[in-house]
Structure formats: C-alpha cells, structure tokens
Amino acid sequence: MNLQGSGLWFADYVSNKCVTDCEVGQGQTCGGLANAISNELYATPLECCQNKIPWLLDSFCEAESLTSSCYGGTGKYYRGDTADVEVCVRDCSTESADPSCGGIVEDDHIMLYDTAEDCCTNQYGWIDVELCAIRSTVTTEVKYWPDMVNGKCVDDSETPAEDLSVELYDSISDCCTSGIQWLTEDECTLASNSTAVGSVGTGKYYVNWSDEECVKDCEGSGCGGIAGDWQELYDTASECCGRMPWTDVSDCVTSAERDLRNIN
C-alpha cells in the first residue's frame, strides 16, 4: 500500500475544492489519502473541478484547489446585481485599482461575457448599449443624450445621464434631430452648445409679429433669433416686409437689414 498517496486529485466536499491524494502536511494541496472506493481520482485539479464540483466556476475552483493567491478572476463581464450595480461589471477583485471590478465570480451559474457590449446586449436590453458599456467599463466618451426637461442635448462625458434608458448620439446634431424633435435643429443646437451662437440659422427673414417687423433667422448681432417651425421664411427683407402691406416697406426693409444693436 502506498501510504504517500498517488499525487492525483479528488474532491473534498468539506472544503468545497479539489485536493491532492497525499498525507496532510506533505504539501499545501494535500488533503489526505484518498479512499480507493469513494474518491475518484483525476490528473489535474481542473478535471476534478469540472467533474465533481460543477457548481463552482471552473477557473475559480481550480485556483482555490491550487491555493493560489494570484487568481484575479477571468476579467470577463457579468450582470452587476450582486455588486449592487445597475450595469455590467468585470470578474475581478474589488480590491484592485480597476473601478469596473465587481468581485470575483465563484458560482458557475453566473453568465460571463467577453466584452461589456455583449453583457449589456444580453443582460440589459432596455439600456442603450453604448451607454451601458461606458458605465460598465467606467470610462467617458463624448456622446450626447437628450435632456427632455430643458430642451437641449448634453455631453455625457461632462454630465453623465442618470436615466439609463436614454439613447446616446455621436453629435449634437444627431441628438437634436432625433431626441429633441419639438425644437428646430438650430434652436436645439444653440441651447446645447453656446459656442454655436452666430453659426446657425438660415440667414433668411421672417416676420416678428409682436413688433411688426422683419428680422433675420440667426443668432447674434443683426439677428432676430432662430425662427420657429411655424414661421415662414423669406429669401429677402423685401419679400418679408411685403407680408405687412400696412407698414412702410422701405422702413421695414431698412430695419430688417440694419444691425439690430441700433434698434431701440
């Protein structure tokens, strides 16, 4: 009888891992001498884990069996419920410097995905995939989301969206066109980006009925502001002033074409 053991691996259900068939104290992985009748032996701890401890993640069980302190998880992504996170997290230790880590996965029933995008697509179908991936990897990207309350588009890298159901867009223009449809693109662009002042608008003319004058469709000096969807635009001040035959057309044209800073 070989009292030293075979050196092969068998399952120790008390410690919930696989151990080596050798006398305790002969090595870190030794779990005592295997029972020839009840203990099935395997060449590697991984084989033992796969066959005898299927409720644990294979790589985790193997690392535990080898008493490895170097195991840091698979680095894959999983649903963040157990980490109290609303998006996906990575299979790595929360003690690491990586803020995307949600803890090392132990249980085999937890689905792991190679990328944050795959995890988001499969686990969080109601969240915009780009937004979910950005939150899951804890990174920032210049993407825009529609602020329905304030009627503008917001840079997510500066002001992260709290509502994870919003859709992200690559540009302010795309966001305004698709996400803030009750405003003109120019109005939305100006509200979203102050540097756009003076660079938007058609440059045509429309009637400002409250003041009974024609003004230019633009923002800044010499402009009357961005025209609304309901306002009819005219190529020239003369055409616009012709809509108000009761006014002095020459005065109206002059008023429309001169620098608005001189009005009033």
Protein backbone atom coordinates (compact mmCIF):
# COMPACT_ATOMS: atom_id res chain seq x y z
CA MET A 1 0.00 0.00 0.00
CA ASN A 2 1.31 3.47 -0.97
CA LEU A 3 0.98 5.50 2.22
CA GLN A 4 2.35 8.58 0.46
CA GLY A 5 -0.61 8.76 -1.89
CA SER A 6 -0.84 8.91 -5.68
CA GLY A 7 -0.44 12.67 -6.07
CA LEU A 8 -3.65 12.74 -8.10
CA TRP A 9 -6.66 14.93 -7.32
CA PHE A 10 -10.02 14.21 -5.69
CA ALA A 11 -12.95 16.26 -4.43
CA ASP A 12 -13.08 17.41 -0.82
CA TYR A 13 -16.68 18.49 -0.29
CA VAL A 14 -15.97 19.85 3.17
CA SER A 15 -13.56 22.49 1.86
CA ASN A 16 -15.51 22.76 -1.43
CA LYS A 17 -12.44 22.27 -3.60
CA CYS A 18 -10.21 19.55 -5.01
CA VAL A 19 -7.19 18.29 -3.09
CA THR A 20 -4.17 16.11 -3.75
CA ASP A 21 -4.08 12.46 -2.73
CA CYS A 22 -1.28 12.74 -0.19
CA GLU A 23 -0.91 12.92 3.55
CA VAL A 24 -1.84 16.26 5.09
CA GLY A 25 1.29 18.27 5.75
CA GLN A 26 3.23 16.96 2.76
CA GLY A 27 2.21 19.95 0.68
CA GLN A 28 -0.22 22.86 0.54
CA THR A 29 -2.68 20.99 -1.65
CA CYS A 30 -2.58 17.68 0.23
CA GLY A 31 -5.99 16.66 1.51
CA GLY A 32 -5.16 13.29 2.99
CA LEU A 33 -5.09 9.86 1.43
CA ALA A 34 -7.93 9.19 -0.99
CA ASN A 35 -10.44 6.44 -0.36
CA ALA A 36 -9.94 3.91 -3.13
CA ILE A 37 -13.67 3.16 -3.22
CA SER A 38 -15.39 6.55 -2.76
CA ASN A 39 -12.84 9.02 -4.15
CA GLU A 40 -12.47 9.22 -7.93
CA LEU A 41 -9.01 10.48 -8.90
CA TYR A 42 -8.11 12.97 -11.63
CA ALA A 43 -4.84 14.04 -13.22
CA THR A 44 -5.43 17.78 -12.75
CA PRO A 45 -7.42 19.97 -10.35
CA LEU A 46 -9.32 21.41 -13.32
CA GLU A 47 -10.56 17.97 -14.36
CA CYS A 48 -11.56 17.27 -10.79
CA CYS A 49 -13.43 20.58 -10.52
CA GLN A 50 -15.25 20.09 -13.79
CA ASN A 51 -16.42 16.62 -12.90
CA LYS A 52 -17.00 16.78 -9.15
CA ILE A 53 -17.65 20.43 -8.22
CA PRO A 54 -19.69 21.73 -11.17
CA TRP A 55 -21.49 24.41 -9.13
CA LEU A 56 -18.28 26.45 -8.92
CA LEU A 57 -16.75 28.34 -11.82
CA ASP A 58 -14.01 26.08 -13.21
CA SER A 59 -11.24 28.66 -13.04
CA PHE A 60 -12.21 29.73 -9.52
CA CYS A 61 -12.38 26.15 -8.27
CA GLU A 62 -9.00 25.39 -9.85
CA ALA A 63 -7.40 28.42 -8.21
CA GLU A 64 -8.90 27.52 -4.83
CA SER A 65 -7.66 23.94 -5.21
CA LEU A 66 -4.15 25.13 -6.01
CA THR A 67 -4.37 27.58 -3.07
CA SER A 68 -3.33 30.28 -5.50
CA SER A 69 -3.25 33.84 -4.19
CA CYS A 70 -2.59 35.14 -7.71
CA TYR A 71 -6.01 34.42 -9.17
CA GLY A 72 -7.72 37.66 -10.09
CA GLY A 73 -10.80 36.43 -11.90
CA THR A 74 -11.42 35.89 -15.60
CA GLY A 75 -11.63 39.58 -16.48
CA LYS A 76 -14.91 38.94 -18.27
CA TYR A 77 -18.18 40.79 -17.64
CA TYR A 78 -21.31 39.76 -15.77
CA ARG A 79 -24.58 41.29 -14.64
CA GLY A 80 -23.97 43.70 -11.77
CA ASP A 81 -26.83 42.76 -9.43
CA THR A 82 -24.63 41.01 -6.89
CA ALA A 83 -22.28 44.01 -6.88
CA ASP A 84 -25.22 46.39 -6.39
CA VAL A 85 -24.53 48.00 -9.77
CA GLU A 86 -27.16 48.77 -12.44
CA VAL A 87 -24.93 47.74 -15.36
CA CYS A 88 -22.32 45.04 -16.05
CA VAL A 89 -19.15 44.61 -14.00
CA ARG A 90 -15.91 42.73 -14.50
CA ASP A 91 -14.96 39.43 -12.91
CA CYS A 92 -12.06 40.74 -10.84
CA SER A 93 -11.36 41.69 -7.25
CA THR A 94 -12.90 44.87 -5.88
CA GLU A 95 -9.60 45.40 -4.06
CA SER A 96 -7.91 46.10 -7.38
CA ALA A 97 -7.45 49.61 -8.75
CA ASP A 98 -9.88 48.90 -11.59
CA PRO A 99 -13.23 50.58 -10.77
CA SER A 100 -15.06 48.29 -13.20
CA CYS A 101 -14.40 45.23 -10.99
CA GLY A 102 -17.48 43.81 -9.32
CA GLY A 103 -15.87 40.98 -7.38
CA ILE A 104 -14.51 37.56 -8.29
CA VAL A 105 -17.17 35.20 -9.59
CA GLU A 106 -17.42 31.89 -7.73
CA ASP A 107 -20.67 30.36 -8.93
CA ASP A 108 -20.85 28.61 -12.27
CA HIS A 109 -24.45 29.72 -12.93
CA ILE A 110 -23.37 33.36 -13.42
CA MET A 111 -23.13 34.13 -17.14
CA LEU A 112 -19.81 35.64 -18.22
CA TYR A 113 -19.27 37.65 -21.40
CA ASP A 114 -16.06 38.55 -23.22
CA THR A 115 -16.98 42.22 -23.66
CA ALA A 116 -19.09 44.81 -21.90
CA GLU A 117 -21.12 45.23 -25.09
CA ASP A 118 -22.01 41.51 -25.16
CA CYS A 119 -23.01 41.60 -21.50
CA CYS A 120 -25.10 44.74 -21.97
CA THR A 121 -26.85 43.35 -25.05
CA ASN A 122 -27.78 40.12 -23.31
CA GLN A 123 -28.49 41.36 -19.79
CA TYR A 124 -29.68 44.96 -20.16
CA GLY A 125 -31.67 45.10 -23.37
CA TRP A 126 -33.59 48.21 -22.24
CA ILE A 127 -30.41 50.28 -21.83
CA ASP A 128 -28.65 51.87 -24.81
CA VAL A 129 -25.71 49.53 -25.48
CA GLU A 130 -23.18 52.36 -25.79
CA LEU A 131 -24.33 53.96 -22.56
CA CYS A 132 -24.33 50.62 -20.73
CA ALA A 133 -20.82 49.79 -21.99
CA ILE A 134 -19.48 53.20 -20.96
CA ARG A 135 -20.90 52.78 -17.46
CA SER A 136 -19.72 49.15 -17.27
CA THR A 137 -16.13 49.97 -18.21
CA VAL A 138 -16.24 53.16 -16.10
CA THR A 139 -14.92 55.26 -18.97
CA THR A 140 -16.01 58.55 -20.52
CA GLU A 141 -16.76 59.31 -24.16
CA VAL A 142 -18.04 62.43 -25.88
CA LYS A 143 -21.59 61.27 -26.57
CA TYR A 144 -24.78 63.28 -26.28
CA TRP A 145 -28.12 62.50 -24.61
CA PRO A 146 -31.39 64.43 -24.94
CA ASP A 147 -32.42 66.43 -21.88
CA MET A 148 -36.18 66.44 -22.40
CA VAL A 149 -36.85 68.79 -19.49
CA ASN A 150 -34.52 71.59 -20.60
CA GLY A 151 -34.83 71.04 -24.35
CA LYS A 152 -31.18 70.50 -25.17
CA CYS A 153 -28.54 67.83 -25.73
CA VAL A 154 -25.94 67.17 -23.05
CA ASP A 155 -22.37 65.88 -23.29
CA ASP A 156 -22.36 62.63 -21.30
CA SER A 157 -18.63 62.91 -20.60
CA GLU A 158 -19.30 66.15 -18.70
CA THR A 159 -22.75 65.46 -17.26
CA PRO A 160 -23.43 61.70 -17.14
CA ALA A 161 -27.04 60.71 -17.78
CA GLU A 162 -28.77 59.45 -14.65
CA ASP A 163 -31.61 57.92 -16.66
CA LEU A 164 -30.03 54.83 -18.21
CA SER A 165 -32.94 54.42 -20.62
CA VAL A 166 -31.86 57.42 -22.73
CA GLU A 167 -30.21 56.95 -26.10
CA LEU A 168 -26.74 58.30 -26.84
CA TYR A 169 -25.81 60.10 -30.05
CA ASP A 170 -22.44 60.81 -31.65
CA SER A 171 -23.11 64.51 -32.23
CA ILE A 172 -25.30 67.36 -31.03
CA SER A 173 -26.87 67.48 -34.47
CA ASP A 174 -27.92 63.81 -34.37
CA CYS A 175 -29.19 64.20 -30.81
CA CYS A 176 -31.21 67.32 -31.62
CA THR A 177 -32.70 65.85 -34.78
CA SER A 178 -33.75 62.56 -33.19
CA GLY A 179 -34.13 63.35 -29.49
CA ILE A 180 -35.47 66.94 -29.26
CA GLN A 181 -37.91 66.90 -32.16
CA TRP A 182 -40.20 69.69 -30.89
CA LEU A 183 -37.42 72.26 -31.46
CA THR A 184 -35.71 73.13 -34.71
CA GLU A 185 -32.22 71.74 -35.03
CA ASP A 186 -30.84 75.28 -34.83
CA GLU A 187 -32.76 76.08 -31.62
CA CYS A 188 -31.66 72.85 -30.02
CA THR A 189 -28.05 73.30 -31.14
CA LEU A 190 -27.89 76.77 -29.65
CA ALA A 191 -29.38 75.55 -26.37
CA SER A 192 -26.91 72.68 -26.29
CA ASN A 193 -23.75 74.49 -27.29
CA SER A 194 -23.16 78.16 -26.53
CA THR A 195 -20.21 78.25 -28.96
CA ALA A 196 -22.68 77.72 -31.80
CA VAL A 197 -24.13 81.23 -31.40
CA GLY A 198 -24.00 83.09 -34.71
CA SER A 199 -23.09 79.96 -36.64
CA VAL A 200 -26.63 78.61 -37.13
CA GLY A 201 -29.80 79.81 -38.75
CA THR A 202 -30.72 80.13 -42.43
CA GLY A 203 -29.92 83.82 -42.76
CA LYS A 204 -33.35 84.33 -44.29
CA TYR A 205 -36.06 86.65 -42.95
CA TYR A 206 -39.26 86.13 -41.02
CA VAL A 207 -41.97 88.36 -39.53
CA ASN A 208 -41.74 89.17 -35.84
CA TRP A 209 -45.48 89.76 -35.46
CA SER A 210 -45.30 91.14 -31.94
CA ASP A 211 -43.12 94.04 -33.12
CA GLU A 212 -44.48 94.07 -36.70
CA GLU A 213 -41.04 93.96 -38.23
CA CYS A 214 -38.96 91.55 -40.29
CA VAL A 215 -35.84 90.04 -38.73
CA LYS A 216 -33.09 87.68 -39.82
CA ASP A 217 -33.15 83.97 -38.89
CA CYS A 218 -29.90 83.77 -36.91
CA GLU A 219 -28.43 84.47 -33.50
CA GLY A 220 -26.08 87.31 -32.65
CA SER A 221 -25.55 90.81 -33.95
CA GLY A 222 -28.02 91.81 -36.67
CA CYS A 223 -30.20 88.76 -36.00
CA GLY A 224 -33.71 88.28 -34.69
CA GLY A 225 -33.16 84.86 -33.20
CA ILE A 226 -33.76 81.42 -34.61
CA ALA A 227 -37.07 81.05 -36.41
CA GLY A 228 -39.58 78.55 -35.09
CA ASP A 229 -41.02 75.77 -37.20
CA TRP A 230 -44.28 77.72 -37.58
CA GLN A 231 -42.62 80.80 -39.04
CA GLU A 232 -42.43 81.28 -42.80
CA LEU A 233 -39.01 82.25 -44.14
CA TYR A 234 -38.28 84.68 -47.00
CA ASP A 235 -35.10 85.00 -49.04
CA THR A 236 -35.02 88.80 -48.83
CA ALA A 237 -36.15 91.51 -46.42
CA SER A 238 -38.34 92.97 -49.18
CA GLU A 239 -40.29 89.73 -49.58
CA CYS A 240 -40.74 89.51 -45.84
CA CYS A 241 -41.86 93.14 -45.47
CA GLY A 242 -44.36 92.60 -48.28
CA ARG A 243 -46.31 90.41 -45.83
CA MET A 244 -47.18 93.58 -43.90
CA PRO A 245 -48.61 95.98 -46.53
CA TRP A 246 -49.82 98.38 -43.85
CA THR A 247 -46.25 99.22 -42.89
CA ASP A 248 -43.81 101.50 -44.70
CA VAL A 249 -41.92 98.89 -46.74
CA SER A 250 -38.75 100.97 -47.04
CA ASP A 251 -38.58 101.48 -43.28
CA CYS A 252 -39.31 97.80 -42.69
CA VAL A 253 -36.55 96.71 -45.08
CA THR A 254 -34.09 99.15 -43.58
CA SER A 255 -34.96 97.96 -40.09
CA ALA A 256 -34.61 94.32 -41.09
CA GLU A 257 -31.23 94.77 -42.76
CA ARG A 258 -29.51 97.07 -40.28
CA ASP A 259 -27.62 95.94 -37.16
CA LEU A 260 -30.21 95.14 -34.50
CA ARG A 261 -27.95 96.66 -31.89
CA ASN A 262 -29.05 100.07 -33.28
CA ILE A 263 -32.75 99.30 -32.91
CA ASN A 264 -34.47 100.83 -29.91
